[in-house]
Amino acid sequence: MLLPISHLAPPPPPAQPSVAEVRRALGVSDDASAVAASMEAKNSAFMDLVASTPIKKPESEAERRLREAAEWVIDTTEERAYEGQKSFLVMCMMTFPAWFLLLFVALGVIKLPFDIPGLDNLLM
């Protein structure tokens, strides 16, 4: 009895998994979609926690309106707060060299080319 030619050829090797499939199988996947899905699940759980009252009832109409009002205040004032922080930082950075110079004069590290009796008495 003759065997068909297909029986004579060696079977094809099994397809090897890709690196991404191995990483996913090991649980060390760094796919953007997997990360986004896990972050969304965490955010969803957090939002469910925040949206529920301490006795696990959904938020009432008054609580919802209060939350929405607080979100509106944050949305409308956040940019101005950042601008204020930036202005304060610029002011501090501009006054820092003068403060540093005055500190060195007060410590006596830098000697002034003229005498100020009050300053000399203060330093002694």
PDB file of N, CA and C in Angstrom:
ATOM      1  N   MET A   1       0.848  -1.161   0.000  1.00  0.00           N
ATOM      2  CA  MET A   1       0.000   0.000   0.000  1.00  0.00           C
ATOM      3  C   MET A   1       0.902   1.235   0.000  1.00  0.00           C
ATOM      4  N   LEU A   2       0.570   2.169  -0.832  1.00  0.00           N
ATOM      5  CA  LEU A   2       1.348   3.379  -0.958  1.00  0.00           C
ATOM      6  C   LEU A   2       0.769   4.476  -0.067  1.00  0.00           C
ATOM      7  N   LEU A   3       1.670   5.202   0.588  1.00  0.00           N
ATOM      8  CA  LEU A   3       1.229   6.307   1.443  1.00  0.00           C
ATOM      9  C   LEU A   3       1.190   7.585   0.614  1.00  0.00           C
ATOM     10  N   PRO A   4       0.227   8.433   0.875  1.00  0.00           N
ATOM     11  CA  PRO A   4       0.209   9.702   0.151  1.00  0.00           C
ATOM     12  C   PRO A   4       1.439  10.536   0.519  1.00  0.00           C
ATOM     13  N   ILE A   5       1.786  11.436  -0.358  1.00  0.00           N
ATOM     14  CA  ILE A   5       2.972  12.270  -0.176  1.00  0.00           C
ATOM     15  C   ILE A   5       2.836  13.143   1.077  1.00  0.00           C
ATOM     16  N   SER A   6       1.654  13.535   1.432  1.00  0.00           N
ATOM     17  CA  SER A   6       1.464  14.388   2.605  1.00  0.00           C
ATOM     18  C   SER A   6       1.930  13.709   3.885  1.00  0.00           C
ATOM     19  N   HIS A   7       1.894  12.379   3.912  1.00  0.00           N
ATOM     20  CA  HIS A   7       2.338  11.667   5.109  1.00  0.00           C
ATOM     21  C   HIS A   7       3.858  11.603   5.184  1.00  0.00           C
ATOM     22  N   LEU A   8       4.528  11.791   4.078  1.00  0.00           N
ATOM     23  CA  LEU A   8       5.970  11.711   4.064  1.00  0.00           C
ATOM     24  C   LEU A   8       6.628  13.016   4.526  1.00  0.00           C
ATOM     25  N   ALA A   9       5.960  14.152   4.327  1.00  0.00           N
ATOM     26  CA  ALA A   9       6.528  15.448   4.716  1.00  0.00           C
ATOM     27  C   ALA A   9       6.393  15.628   6.221  1.00  0.00           C
ATOM     28  N   PRO A  10       7.407  16.233   6.832  1.00  0.00           N
ATOM     29  CA  PRO A  10       7.294  16.457   8.283  1.00  0.00           C
ATOM     30  C   PRO A  10       6.199  17.479   8.566  1.00  0.00           C
ATOM     31  N   PRO A  11       5.566  17.355   9.717  1.00  0.00           N
ATOM     32  CA  PRO A  11       4.498  18.319  10.034  1.00  0.00           C
ATOM     33  C   PRO A  11       5.106  19.706  10.241  1.00  0.00           C
ATOM     34  N   PRO A  12       4.350  20.749   9.890  1.00  0.00           N
ATOM     35  CA  PRO A  12       4.883  22.105  10.069  1.00  0.00           C
ATOM     36  C   PRO A  12       5.068  22.403  11.560  1.00  0.00           C
ATOM     37  N   PRO A  13       6.119  23.167  11.897  1.00  0.00           N
ATOM     38  CA  PRO A  13       6.336  23.468  13.321  1.00  0.00           C
ATOM     39  C   PRO A  13       5.198  24.360  13.836  1.00  0.00           C
ATOM     40  N   PRO A  14       4.868  24.213  15.111  1.00  0.00           N
ATOM     41  CA  PRO A  14       3.789  25.048  15.658  1.00  0.00           C
ATOM     42  C   PRO A  14       4.215  26.520  15.625  1.00  0.00           C
ATOM     43  N   ALA A  15       3.241  27.369  15.380  1.00  0.00           N
ATOM     44  CA  ALA A  15       3.529  28.808  15.307  1.00  0.00           C
ATOM     45  C   ALA A  15       3.945  29.305  16.691  1.00  0.00           C
ATOM     46  N   GLN A  16       5.044  30.033  16.729  1.00  0.00           N
ATOM     47  CA  GLN A  16       5.517  30.557  17.997  1.00  0.00           C
ATOM     48  C   GLN A  16       4.750  31.832  18.331  1.00  0.00           C
ATOM     49  N   PRO A  17       4.440  32.004  19.606  1.00  0.00           N
ATOM     50  CA  PRO A  17       3.708  33.223  19.977  1.00  0.00           C
ATOM     51  C   PRO A  17       4.609  34.452  19.840  1.00  0.00           C
ATOM     52  N   SER A  18       3.977  35.557  19.613  1.00  0.00           N
ATOM     53  CA  SER A  18       4.737  36.801  19.509  1.00  0.00           C
ATOM     54  C   SER A  18       5.184  37.244  20.901  1.00  0.00           C
ATOM     55  N   VAL A  19       6.095  38.207  20.921  1.00  0.00           N
ATOM     56  CA  VAL A  19       6.593  38.733  22.194  1.00  0.00           C
ATOM     57  C   VAL A  19       5.452  39.360  22.991  1.00  0.00           C
ATOM     58  N   ALA A  20       4.566  40.073  22.304  1.00  0.00           N
ATOM     59  CA  ALA A  20       3.439  40.714  22.988  1.00  0.00           C
ATOM     60  C   ALA A  20       2.519  39.675  23.622  1.00  0.00           C
ATOM     61  N   GLU A  21       2.301  38.536  22.914  1.00  0.00           N
ATOM     62  CA  GLU A  21       1.448  37.493  23.487  1.00  0.00           C
ATOM     63  C   GLU A  21       2.089  36.856  24.716  1.00  0.00           C
ATOM     64  N   VAL A  22       3.402  36.668  24.673  1.00  0.00           N
ATOM     65  CA  VAL A  22       4.101  36.096  25.834  1.00  0.00           C
ATOM     66  C   VAL A  22       4.033  37.062  27.007  1.00  0.00           C
ATOM     67  N   ARG A  23       4.261  38.357  26.724  1.00  0.00           N
ATOM     68  CA  ARG A  23       4.197  39.351  27.806  1.00  0.00           C
ATOM     69  C   ARG A  23       2.798  39.395  28.414  1.00  0.00           C
ATOM     70  N   ARG A  24       1.763  39.342  27.563  1.00  0.00           N
ATOM     71  CA  ARG A  24       0.386  39.343  28.060  1.00  0.00           C
ATOM     72  C   ARG A  24       0.118  38.104  28.902  1.00  0.00           C
ATOM     73  N   ALA A  25       0.641  36.942  28.466  1.00  0.00           N
ATOM     74  CA  ALA A  25       0.429  35.700  29.207  1.00  0.00           C
ATOM     75  C   ALA A  25       1.103  35.748  30.580  1.00  0.00           C
ATOM     76  N   LEU A  26       2.258  36.414  30.639  1.00  0.00           N
ATOM     77  CA  LEU A  26       2.962  36.533  31.915  1.00  0.00           C
ATOM     78  C   LEU A  26       2.399  37.625  32.805  1.00  0.00           C
ATOM     79  N   GLY A  27       1.580  38.502  32.224  1.00  0.00           N
ATOM     80  CA  GLY A  27       0.985  39.580  33.010  1.00  0.00           C
ATOM     81  C   GLY A  27       1.843  40.814  33.090  1.00  0.00           C
ATOM     82  N   VAL A  28       2.789  40.973  32.192  1.00  0.00           N
ATOM     83  CA  VAL A  28       3.648  42.155  32.190  1.00  0.00           C
ATOM     84  C   VAL A  28       3.418  42.973  30.921  1.00  0.00           C
ATOM     85  N   SER A  29       2.222  42.912  30.417  1.00  0.00           N
ATOM     86  CA  SER A  29       1.897  43.626  29.187  1.00  0.00           C
ATOM     87  C   SER A  29       1.985  45.131  29.395  1.00  0.00           C
ATOM     88  N   ASP A  30       2.564  45.820  28.436  1.00  0.00           N
ATOM     89  CA  ASP A  30       2.648  47.264  28.508  1.00  0.00           C
ATOM     90  C   ASP A  30       1.936  47.901  27.319  1.00  0.00           C
ATOM     91  N   ASP A  31       0.952  47.205  26.801  1.00  0.00           N
ATOM     92  CA  ASP A  31       0.179  47.768  25.697  1.00  0.00           C
ATOM     93  C   ASP A  31      -0.554  49.015  26.167  1.00  0.00           C
ATOM     94  N   ALA A  32      -0.618  50.004  25.323  1.00  0.00           N
ATOM     95  CA  ALA A  32      -1.320  51.235  25.683  1.00  0.00           C
ATOM     96  C   ALA A  32      -2.800  50.956  25.931  1.00  0.00           C
ATOM     97  N   SER A  33      -3.367  50.040  25.148  1.00  0.00           N
ATOM     98  CA  SER A  33      -4.787  49.736  25.332  1.00  0.00           C
ATOM     99  C   SER A  33      -5.029  49.034  26.666  1.00  0.00           C
ATOM    100  N   ALA A  34      -4.114  48.145  27.043  1.00  0.00           N
ATOM    101  CA  ALA A  34      -4.277  47.442  28.319  1.00  0.00           C
ATOM    102  C   ALA A  34      -4.117  48.412  29.478  1.00  0.00           C
ATOM    103  N   VAL A  35      -3.156  49.315  29.358  1.00  0.00           N
ATOM    104  CA  VAL A  35      -2.944  50.314  30.412  1.00  0.00           C
ATOM    105  C   VAL A  35      -4.150  51.233  30.512  1.00  0.00           C
ATOM    106  N   ALA A  36      -4.659  51.662  29.352  1.00  0.00           N
ATOM    107  CA  ALA A  36      -5.819  52.544  29.354  1.00  0.00           C
ATOM    108  C   ALA A  36      -7.036  51.840  29.942  1.00  0.00           C
ATOM    109  N   ALA A  37      -7.211  50.566  29.617  1.00  0.00           N
ATOM    110  CA  ALA A  37      -8.354  49.819  30.146  1.00  0.00           C
ATOM    111  C   ALA A  37      -8.255  49.670  31.662  1.00  0.00           C
ATOM    112  N   SER A  38      -7.037  49.383  32.158  1.00  0.00           N
ATOM    113  CA  SER A  38      -6.901  49.220  33.606  1.00  0.00           C
ATOM    114  C   SER A  38      -7.096  50.555  34.323  1.00  0.00           C
ATOM    115  N   MET A  39      -6.587  51.653  33.728  1.00  0.00           N
ATOM    116  CA  MET A  39      -6.790  52.974  34.334  1.00  0.00           C
ATOM    117  C   MET A  39      -8.268  53.349  34.333  1.00  0.00           C
ATOM    118  N   GLU A  40      -8.955  53.007  33.241  1.00  0.00           N
ATOM    119  CA  GLU A  40     -10.385  53.323  33.172  1.00  0.00           C
ATOM    120  C   GLU A  40     -11.154  52.532  34.224  1.00  0.00           C
ATOM    121  N   ALA A  41     -10.765  51.286  34.431  1.00  0.00           N
ATOM    122  CA  ALA A  41     -11.429  50.469  35.453  1.00  0.00           C
ATOM    123  C   ALA A  41     -11.180  51.058  36.844  1.00  0.00           C
ATOM    124  N   LYS A  42      -9.938  51.499  37.095  1.00  0.00           N
ATOM    125  CA  LYS A  42      -9.632  52.101  38.392  1.00  0.00           C
ATOM    126  C   LYS A  42     -10.399  53.404  38.572  1.00  0.00           C
ATOM    127  N   ASN A  43     -10.414  54.239  37.520  1.00  0.00           N
ATOM    128  CA  ASN A  43     -11.139  55.501  37.605  1.00  0.00           C
ATOM    129  C   ASN A  43     -12.625  55.272  37.785  1.00  0.00           C
ATOM    130  N   SER A  44     -13.151  54.266  37.117  1.00  0.00           N
ATOM    131  CA  SER A  44     -14.567  53.963  37.243  1.00  0.00           C
ATOM    132  C   SER A  44     -14.892  53.551  38.684  1.00  0.00           C
ATOM    133  N   ALA A  45     -14.044  52.709  39.252  1.00  0.00           N
ATOM    134  CA  ALA A  45     -14.276  52.284  40.637  1.00  0.00           C
ATOM    135  C   ALA A  45     -14.172  53.474  41.584  1.00  0.00           C
ATOM    136  N   PHE A  46     -13.204  54.349  41.336  1.00  0.00           N
ATOM    137  CA  PHE A  46     -13.053  55.527  42.178  1.00  0.00           C
ATOM    138  C   PHE A  46     -14.255  56.449  42.032  1.00  0.00           C
ATOM    139  N   MET A  47     -14.707  56.656  40.794  1.00  0.00           N
ATOM    140  CA  MET A  47     -15.856  57.533  40.586  1.00  0.00           C
ATOM    141  C   MET A  47     -17.119  56.933  41.194  1.00  0.00           C
ATOM    142  N   ASP A  48     -17.254  55.608  41.143  1.00  0.00           N
ATOM    143  CA  ASP A  48     -18.392  54.970  41.800  1.00  0.00           C
ATOM    144  C   ASP A  48     -18.335  55.210  43.305  1.00  0.00           C
ATOM    145  N   LEU A  49     -17.137  55.143  43.876  1.00  0.00           N
ATOM    146  CA  LEU A  49     -16.979  55.387  45.302  1.00  0.00           C
ATOM    147  C   LEU A  49     -17.330  56.830  45.655  1.00  0.00           C
ATOM    148  N   VAL A  50     -16.848  57.770  44.813  1.00  0.00           N
ATOM    149  CA  VAL A  50     -17.094  59.184  45.083  1.00  0.00           C
ATOM    150  C   VAL A  50     -18.567  59.526  44.868  1.00  0.00           C
ATOM    151  N   ALA A  51     -19.172  58.927  43.842  1.00  0.00           N
ATOM    152  CA  ALA A  51     -20.553  59.264  43.507  1.00  0.00           C
ATOM    153  C   ALA A  51     -21.565  58.670  44.483  1.00  0.00           C
ATOM    154  N   SER A  52     -21.150  57.696  45.274  1.00  0.00           N
ATOM    155  CA  SER A  52     -22.102  57.101  46.208  1.00  0.00           C
ATOM    156  C   SER A  52     -21.973  57.770  47.573  1.00  0.00           C
ATOM    157  N   THR A  53     -23.051  57.771  48.282  1.00  0.00           N
ATOM    158  CA  THR A  53     -23.043  58.321  49.632  1.00  0.00           C
ATOM    159  C   THR A  53     -22.442  57.285  50.575  1.00  0.00           C
ATOM    160  N   PRO A  54     -22.125  57.658  51.803  1.00  0.00           N
ATOM    161  CA  PRO A  54     -21.505  56.694  52.719  1.00  0.00           C
ATOM    162  C   PRO A  54     -22.342  55.442  52.952  1.00  0.00           C
ATOM    163  N   ILE A  55     -23.641  55.514  52.776  1.00  0.00           N
ATOM    164  CA  ILE A  55     -24.464  54.322  52.995  1.00  0.00           C
ATOM    165  C   ILE A  55     -24.799  53.642  51.672  1.00  0.00           C
ATOM    166  N   LYS A  56     -23.983  53.894  50.630  1.00  0.00           N
ATOM    167  CA  LYS A  56     -24.044  53.226  49.333  1.00  0.00           C
ATOM    168  C   LYS A  56     -25.321  53.491  48.559  1.00  0.00           C
ATOM    169  N   LYS A  57     -25.913  54.638  48.756  1.00  0.00           N
ATOM    170  CA  LYS A  57     -27.061  55.033  47.942  1.00  0.00           C
ATOM    171  C   LYS A  57     -26.551  55.973  46.863  1.00  0.00           C
ATOM    172  N   PRO A  58     -27.187  55.991  45.703  1.00  0.00           N
ATOM    173  CA  PRO A  58     -26.744  56.936  44.668  1.00  0.00           C
ATOM    174  C   PRO A  58     -26.939  58.373  45.139  1.00  0.00           C
ATOM    175  N   GLU A  59     -26.162  59.293  44.562  1.00  0.00           N
ATOM    176  CA  GLU A  59     -26.233  60.676  45.016  1.00  0.00           C
ATOM    177  C   GLU A  59     -27.595  61.281  44.696  1.00  0.00           C
ATOM    178  N   SER A  60     -28.031  62.132  45.596  1.00  0.00           N
ATOM    179  CA  SER A  60     -29.331  62.773  45.419  1.00  0.00           C
ATOM    180  C   SER A  60     -29.188  63.948  44.462  1.00  0.00           C
ATOM    181  N   GLU A  61     -30.312  64.561  44.127  1.00  0.00           N
ATOM    182  CA  GLU A  61     -30.318  65.717  43.224  1.00  0.00           C
ATOM    183  C   GLU A  61     -29.522  66.876  43.831  1.00  0.00           C
ATOM    184  N   ALA A  62     -29.681  67.107  45.120  1.00  0.00           N
ATOM    185  CA  ALA A  62     -28.958  68.204  45.771  1.00  0.00           C
ATOM    186  C   ALA A  62     -27.454  67.934  45.765  1.00  0.00           C
ATOM    187  N   GLU A  63     -27.062  66.710  46.051  1.00  0.00           N
ATOM    188  CA  GLU A  63     -25.638  66.366  46.024  1.00  0.00           C
ATOM    189  C   GLU A  63     -25.054  66.501  44.619  1.00  0.00           C
ATOM    190  N   ARG A  64     -25.818  66.089  43.613  1.00  0.00           N
ATOM    191  CA  ARG A  64     -25.360  66.195  42.233  1.00  0.00           C
ATOM    192  C   ARG A  64     -25.172  67.648  41.848  1.00  0.00           C
ATOM    193  N   ARG A  65     -26.142  68.507  42.217  1.00  0.00           N
ATOM    194  CA  ARG A  65     -26.037  69.928  41.873  1.00  0.00           C
ATOM    195  C   ARG A  65     -24.880  70.583  42.613  1.00  0.00           C
ATOM    196  N   LEU A  66     -24.652  70.187  43.861  1.00  0.00           N
ATOM    197  CA  LEU A  66     -23.529  70.712  44.625  1.00  0.00           C
ATOM    198  C   LEU A  66     -22.199  70.286  43.997  1.00  0.00           C
ATOM    199  N   ARG A  67     -22.099  69.016  43.575  1.00  0.00           N
ATOM    200  CA  ARG A  67     -20.890  68.536  42.917  1.00  0.00           C
ATOM    201  C   ARG A  67     -20.659  69.266  41.603  1.00  0.00           C
ATOM    202  N   GLU A  68     -21.704  69.465  40.820  1.00  0.00           N
ATOM    203  CA  GLU A  68     -21.574  70.170  39.550  1.00  0.00           C
ATOM    204  C   GLU A  68     -21.158  71.633  39.774  1.00  0.00           C
ATOM    205  N   ALA A  69     -21.694  72.265  40.826  1.00  0.00           N
ATOM    206  CA  ALA A  69     -21.305  73.645  41.128  1.00  0.00           C
ATOM    207  C   ALA A  69     -19.825  73.705  41.519  1.00  0.00           C
ATOM    208  N   ALA A  70     -19.374  72.739  42.298  1.00  0.00           N
ATOM    209  CA  ALA A  70     -17.963  72.702  42.685  1.00  0.00           C
ATOM    210  C   ALA A  70     -17.069  72.474  41.467  1.00  0.00           C
ATOM    211  N   GLU A  71     -17.486  71.599  40.561  1.00  0.00           N
ATOM    212  CA  GLU A  71     -16.714  71.374  39.332  1.00  0.00           C
ATOM    213  C   GLU A  71     -16.668  72.637  38.491  1.00  0.00           C
ATOM    214  N   TRP A  72     -17.766  73.374  38.435  1.00  0.00           N
ATOM    215  CA  TRP A  72     -17.789  74.625  37.657  1.00  0.00           C
ATOM    216  C   TRP A  72     -16.819  75.637  38.261  1.00  0.00           C
ATOM    217  N   VAL A  73     -16.815  75.761  39.593  1.00  0.00           N
ATOM    218  CA  VAL A  73     -15.904  76.693  40.250  1.00  0.00           C
ATOM    219  C   VAL A  73     -14.455  76.311  39.939  1.00  0.00           C
ATOM    220  N   ILE A  74     -14.145  75.035  39.998  1.00  0.00           N
ATOM    221  CA  ILE A  74     -12.785  74.580  39.708  1.00  0.00           C
ATOM    222  C   ILE A  74     -12.427  74.884  38.259  1.00  0.00           C
ATOM    223  N   ASP A  75     -13.339  74.592  37.339  1.00  0.00           N
ATOM    224  CA  ASP A  75     -13.052  74.830  35.920  1.00  0.00           C
ATOM    225  C   ASP A  75     -12.839  76.306  35.614  1.00  0.00           C
ATOM    226  N   THR A  76     -13.589  77.191  36.270  1.00  0.00           N
ATOM    227  CA  THR A  76     -13.481  78.614  35.947  1.00  0.00           C
ATOM    228  C   THR A  76     -12.345  79.320  36.685  1.00  0.00           C
ATOM    229  N   THR A  77     -11.878  78.768  37.795  1.00  0.00           N
ATOM    230  CA  THR A  77     -10.838  79.465  38.573  1.00  0.00           C
ATOM    231  C   THR A  77      -9.469  78.816  38.479  1.00  0.00           C
ATOM    232  N   GLU A  78      -9.381  77.622  37.941  1.00  0.00           N
ATOM    233  CA  GLU A  78      -8.109  76.906  37.926  1.00  0.00           C
ATOM    234  C   GLU A  78      -7.056  77.652  37.109  1.00  0.00           C
ATOM    235  N   GLU A  79      -7.411  78.174  35.960  1.00  0.00           N
ATOM    236  CA  GLU A  79      -6.444  78.872  35.117  1.00  0.00           C
ATOM    237  C   GLU A  79      -5.930  80.146  35.798  1.00  0.00           C
ATOM    238  N   ARG A  80      -6.827  80.891  36.446  1.00  0.00           N
ATOM    239  CA  ARG A  80      -6.389  82.103  37.153  1.00  0.00           C
ATOM    240  C   ARG A  80      -5.479  81.761  38.322  1.00  0.00           C
ATOM    241  N   ALA A  81      -5.738  80.642  38.984  1.00  0.00           N
ATOM    242  CA  ALA A  81      -4.884  80.231  40.101  1.00  0.00           C
ATOM    243  C   ALA A  81      -3.481  79.898  39.598  1.00  0.00           C
ATOM    244  N   TYR A  82      -3.391  79.200  38.468  1.00  0.00           N
ATOM    245  CA  TYR A  82      -2.086  78.893  37.895  1.00  0.00           C
ATOM    246  C   TYR A  82      -1.349  80.164  37.501  1.00  0.00           C
ATOM    247  N   GLU A  83      -2.065  81.146  36.960  1.00  0.00           N
ATOM    248  CA  GLU A  83      -1.437  82.412  36.594  1.00  0.00           C
ATOM    249  C   GLU A  83      -0.909  83.123  37.845  1.00  0.00           C
ATOM    250  N   GLY A  84      -1.665  83.082  38.932  1.00  0.00           N
ATOM    251  CA  GLY A  84      -1.214  83.682  40.184  1.00  0.00           C
ATOM    252  C   GLY A  84       0.031  82.994  40.723  1.00  0.00           C
ATOM    253  N   GLN A  85       0.053  81.672  40.645  1.00  0.00           N
ATOM    254  CA  GLN A  85       1.231  80.937  41.094  1.00  0.00           C
ATOM    255  C   GLN A  85       2.449  81.304  40.252  1.00  0.00           C
ATOM    256  N   LYS A  86       2.230  81.425  38.951  1.00  0.00           N
ATOM    257  CA  LYS A  86       3.335  81.766  38.059  1.00  0.00           C
ATOM    258  C   LYS A  86       3.851  83.172  38.363  1.00  0.00           C
ATOM    259  N   SER A  87       2.945  84.120  38.595  1.00  0.00           N
ATOM    260  CA  SER A  87       3.359  85.490  38.919  1.00  0.00           C
ATOM    261  C   SER A  87       4.149  85.524  40.222  1.00  0.00           C
ATOM    262  N   PHE A  88       3.692  84.782  41.217  1.00  0.00           N
ATOM    263  CA  PHE A  88       4.395  84.726  42.502  1.00  0.00           C
ATOM    264  C   PHE A  88       5.786  84.123  42.343  1.00  0.00           C
ATOM    265  N   LEU A  89       5.894  83.072  41.528  1.00  0.00           N
ATOM    266  CA  LEU A  89       7.182  82.443  41.295  1.00  0.00           C
ATOM    267  C   LEU A  89       8.139  83.403  40.593  1.00  0.00           C
ATOM    268  N   VAL A  90       7.647  84.139  39.597  1.00  0.00           N
ATOM    269  CA  VAL A  90       8.490  85.103  38.885  1.00  0.00           C
ATOM    270  C   VAL A  90       8.950  86.199  39.841  1.00  0.00           C
ATOM    271  N   MET A  91       8.054  86.677  40.695  1.00  0.00           N
ATOM    272  CA  MET A  91       8.429  87.717  41.656  1.00  0.00           C
ATOM    273  C   MET A  91       9.512  87.202  42.603  1.00  0.00           C
ATOM    274  N   CYS A  92       9.354  85.981  43.088  1.00  0.00           N
ATOM    275  CA  CYS A  92      10.361  85.415  43.989  1.00  0.00           C
ATOM    276  C   CYS A  92      11.698  85.243  43.283  1.00  0.00           C
ATOM    277  N   MET A  93      11.671  84.788  42.045  1.00  0.00           N
ATOM    278  CA  MET A  93      12.915  84.586  41.311  1.00  0.00           C
ATOM    279  C   MET A  93      13.600  85.914  40.980  1.00  0.00           C
ATOM    280  N   MET A  94      12.829  86.984  40.830  1.00  0.00           N
ATOM    281  CA  MET A  94      13.432  88.283  40.556  1.00  0.00           C
ATOM    282  C   MET A  94      14.027  88.896  41.819  1.00  0.00           C
ATOM    283  N   THR A  95      13.429  88.640  42.974  1.00  0.00           N
ATOM    284  CA  THR A  95      13.947  89.213  44.219  1.00  0.00           C
ATOM    285  C   THR A  95      15.033  88.346  44.849  1.00  0.00           C
ATOM    286  N   PHE A  96      15.180  87.118  44.402  1.00  0.00           N
ATOM    287  CA  PHE A  96      16.161  86.213  44.999  1.00  0.00           C
ATOM    288  C   PHE A  96      17.587  86.744  44.905  1.00  0.00           C
ATOM    289  N   PRO A  97      18.049  87.252  43.757  1.00  0.00           N
ATOM    290  CA  PRO A  97      19.434  87.756  43.720  1.00  0.00           C
ATOM    291  C   PRO A  97      19.676  88.897  44.710  1.00  0.00           C
ATOM    292  N   ALA A  98      18.725  89.803  44.838  1.00  0.00           N
ATOM    293  CA  ALA A  98      18.893  90.917  45.792  1.00  0.00           C
ATOM    294  C   ALA A  98      18.913  90.382  47.223  1.00  0.00           C
ATOM    295  N   TRP A  99      18.051  89.433  47.524  1.00  0.00           N
ATOM    296  CA  TRP A  99      18.007  88.843  48.865  1.00  0.00           C
ATOM    297  C   TRP A  99      19.319  88.130  49.161  1.00  0.00           C
ATOM    298  N   PHE A 100      19.839  87.413  48.169  1.00  0.00           N
ATOM    299  CA  PHE A 100      21.096  86.692  48.319  1.00  0.00           C
ATOM    300  C   PHE A 100      22.250  87.662  48.566  1.00  0.00           C
ATOM    301  N   LEU A 101      22.287  88.752  47.824  1.00  0.00           N
ATOM    302  CA  LEU A 101      23.332  89.772  48.006  1.00  0.00           C
ATOM    303  C   LEU A 101      23.249  90.383  49.402  1.00  0.00           C
ATOM    304  N   LEU A 102      22.055  90.754  49.833  1.00  0.00           N
ATOM    305  CA  LEU A 102      21.896  91.337  51.161  1.00  0.00           C
ATOM    306  C   LEU A 102      22.260  90.348  52.268  1.00  0.00           C
ATOM    307  N   LEU A 103      21.984  89.087  52.061  1.00  0.00           N
ATOM    308  CA  LEU A 103      22.365  88.063  53.037  1.00  0.00           C
ATOM    309  C   LEU A 103      23.879  87.982  53.162  1.00  0.00           C
ATOM    310  N   PHE A 104      24.580  87.998  52.035  1.00  0.00           N
ATOM    311  CA  PHE A 104      26.042  87.948  52.083  1.00  0.00           C
ATOM    312  C   PHE A 104      26.632  89.205  52.718  1.00  0.00           C
ATOM    313  N   VAL A 105      26.024  90.342  52.474  1.00  0.00           N
ATOM    314  CA  VAL A 105      26.496  91.580  53.120  1.00  0.00           C
ATOM    315  C   VAL A 105      26.273  91.483  54.622  1.00  0.00           C
ATOM    316  N   ALA A 106      25.099  90.987  55.026  1.00  0.00           N
ATOM    317  CA  ALA A 106      24.791  90.876  56.455  1.00  0.00           C
ATOM    318  C   ALA A 106      25.704  89.865  57.140  1.00  0.00           C
ATOM    319  N   LEU A 107      26.092  88.805  56.444  1.00  0.00           N
ATOM    320  CA  LEU A 107      26.978  87.804  57.028  1.00  0.00           C
ATOM    321  C   LEU A 107      28.429  88.250  57.035  1.00  0.00           C
ATOM    322  N   GLY A 108      28.728  89.295  56.290  1.00  0.00           N
ATOM    323  CA  GLY A 108      30.092  89.795  56.239  1.00  0.00           C
ATOM    324  C   GLY A 108      30.944  89.126  55.182  1.00  0.00           C
ATOM    325  N   VAL A 109      30.337  88.293  54.359  1.00  0.00           N
ATOM    326  CA  VAL A 109      31.073  87.634  53.285  1.00  0.00           C
ATOM    327  C   VAL A 109      31.488  88.662  52.241  1.00  0.00           C
ATOM    328  N   ILE A 110      30.598  89.606  51.944  1.00  0.00           N
ATOM    329  CA  ILE A 110      30.877  90.686  51.001  1.00  0.00           C
ATOM    330  C   ILE A 110      31.040  91.969  51.810  1.00  0.00           C
ATOM    331  N   LYS A 111      32.178  92.634  51.625  1.00  0.00           N
ATOM    332  CA  LYS A 111      32.422  93.909  52.307  1.00  0.00           C
ATOM    333  C   LYS A 111      32.029  95.042  51.364  1.00  0.00           C
ATOM    334  N   LEU A 112      31.268  95.974  51.876  1.00  0.00           N
ATOM    335  CA  LEU A 112      30.882  97.130  51.072  1.00  0.00           C
ATOM    336  C   LEU A 112      32.057  98.113  50.997  1.00  0.00           C
ATOM    337  N   PRO A 113      32.186  98.856  49.881  1.00  0.00           N
ATOM    338  CA  PRO A 113      33.325  99.774  49.743  1.00  0.00           C
ATOM    339  C   PRO A 113      33.161 101.061  50.552  1.00  0.00           C
ATOM    340  N   PHE A 114      32.143 101.173  51.342  1.00  0.00           N
ATOM    341  CA  PHE A 114      31.913 102.365  52.164  1.00  0.00           C
ATOM    342  C   PHE A 114      31.412 101.907  53.530  1.00  0.00           C
ATOM    343  N   ASP A 115      31.494 102.817  54.499  1.00  0.00           N
ATOM    344  CA  ASP A 115      31.087 102.489  55.866  1.00  0.00           C
ATOM    345  C   ASP A 115      29.662 102.946  56.120  1.00  0.00           C
ATOM    346  N   ILE A 116      28.900 102.070  56.767  1.00  0.00           N
ATOM    347  CA  ILE A 116      27.575 102.408  57.273  1.00  0.00           C
ATOM    348  C   ILE A 116      27.630 102.068  58.760  1.00  0.00           C
ATOM    349  N   PRO A 117      27.715 103.086  59.626  1.00  0.00           N
ATOM    350  CA  PRO A 117      27.885 102.806  61.064  1.00  0.00           C
ATOM    351  C   PRO A 117      26.773 101.931  61.639  1.00  0.00           C
ATOM    352  N   GLY A 118      25.549 102.151  61.222  1.00  0.00           N
ATOM    353  CA  GLY A 118      24.448 101.332  61.752  1.00  0.00           C
ATOM    354  C   GLY A 118      24.594  99.883  61.360  1.00  0.00           C
ATOM    355  N   LEU A 119      25.037  99.637  60.157  1.00  0.00           N
ATOM    356  CA  LEU A 119      25.224  98.259  59.701  1.00  0.00           C
ATOM    357  C   LEU A 119      26.404  97.621  60.404  1.00  0.00           C
ATOM    358  N   ASP A 120      27.466  98.405  60.611  1.00  0.00           N
ATOM    359  CA  ASP A 120      28.622  97.878  61.335  1.00  0.00           C
ATOM    360  C   ASP A 120      28.248  97.497  62.769  1.00  0.00           C
ATOM    361  N   ASN A 121      27.457  98.326  63.436  1.00  0.00           N
ATOM    362  CA  ASN A 121      27.002  98.033  64.792  1.00  0.00           C
ATOM    363  C   ASN A 121      26.086  96.800  64.808  1.00  0.00           C
ATOM    364  N   LEU A 122      25.298  96.647  63.748  1.00  0.00           N
ATOM    365  CA  LEU A 122      24.396  95.516  63.670  1.00  0.00           C
ATOM    366  C   LEU A 122      25.172  94.218  63.483  1.00  0.00           C
ATOM    367  N   LEU A 123      26.239  94.274  62.704  1.00  0.00           N
ATOM    368  CA  LEU A 123      27.007  93.063  62.432  1.00  0.00           C
ATOM    369  C   LEU A 123      27.923  92.671  63.587  1.00  0.00           C
ATOM    370  N   MET A 124      28.339  93.600  64.397  1.00  0.00           N
ATOM    371  CA  MET A 124      29.281  93.303  65.463  1.00  0.00           C
ATOM    372  C   MET A 124      28.600  92.658  66.601  1.00  0.00           C
TER     373      MET A 124
END
